[in-house]
Structure formats: C-alpha cells, structure tokens
Amino acid sequence: MEAYCLKCRTKREVQGAKQITMKNGKPATQGKCPVCSTTMFRIGKG
C-alpha cells in the first residue's frame, strides 16, 4: 500500500503496514517509510 511521506514529500510503499482505528473511530493504516523511517498514516480502509 502506498502513502504520502511528509518528510520525503513523495509517495512511498508503506513498510510494516498494520490496520488501526483512530480515536474518532475511523479506520486507518499505519507503517514506516522505507527511506527515512518516519511513521506514515493513510486514512480509510486499506
């Protein structure tokens, strides 16, 4: 799954993606950027 990395400012493949539920109850995907290791989020079902 791809997500936008705010640090690299480009779309990258999420490494170690896992499904989470945010505080407001919406689904999201969380993982790390393979280049800079920043935590990346993608809101919505994935």
Protein backbone atom coordinates (compact mmCIF):
# COMPACT_ATOMS: atom_id res chain seq x y z
CA MET A 1 0.00 0.00 0.00
CA GLU A 2 1.25 3.48 -0.84
CA ALA A 3 1.05 6.53 1.40
CA TYR A 4 2.46 10.04 1.29
CA CYS A 5 5.59 10.63 3.37
CA LEU A 6 5.58 14.16 4.79
CA LYS A 7 9.34 14.15 5.37
CA CYS A 8 10.35 12.87 1.89
CA ARG A 9 7.43 14.70 0.20
CA THR A 10 6.67 11.80 -2.10
CA LYS A 11 4.50 8.69 -2.25
CA ARG A 12 6.24 5.58 -0.99
CA GLU A 13 5.33 1.98 -0.23
CA VAL A 14 4.46 1.59 3.47
CA GLN A 15 6.74 -0.83 5.33
CA GLY A 16 5.21 -2.92 8.10
CA ALA A 17 1.66 -1.72 7.44
CA LYS A 18 -0.95 -2.52 10.07
CA GLN A 19 -4.63 -1.66 10.38
CA ILE A 20 -5.53 0.67 13.28
CA THR A 21 -8.58 2.55 14.48
CA MET A 22 -8.15 6.26 15.19
CA LYS A 23 -9.58 7.99 18.27
CA ASN A 24 -12.64 9.13 16.32
CA GLY A 25 -13.41 5.53 15.28
CA LYS A 26 -12.29 5.77 11.64
CA PRO A 27 -10.05 3.05 10.16
CA ALA A 28 -6.51 3.85 9.07
CA THR A 29 -3.26 2.17 8.07
CA GLN A 30 -0.01 2.90 9.90
CA GLY A 31 3.53 1.98 8.92
CA LYS A 32 7.03 3.32 8.34
CA CYS A 33 8.73 4.98 5.38
CA PRO A 34 11.41 2.64 3.96
CA VAL A 35 13.78 5.57 3.27
CA CYS A 36 13.59 7.86 6.33
CA SER A 37 11.76 5.61 8.86
CA THR A 38 9.11 8.27 9.56
CA THR A 39 5.71 6.99 10.72
CA MET A 40 3.22 7.21 7.86
CA PHE A 41 -0.59 7.15 8.01
CA ARG A 42 -3.25 6.55 5.40
CA ILE A 43 -6.79 7.29 6.48
CA GLY A 44 -9.50 4.91 5.26
CA LYS A 45 -9.79 1.20 4.69
CA GLY A 46 -6.82 -0.37 3.01
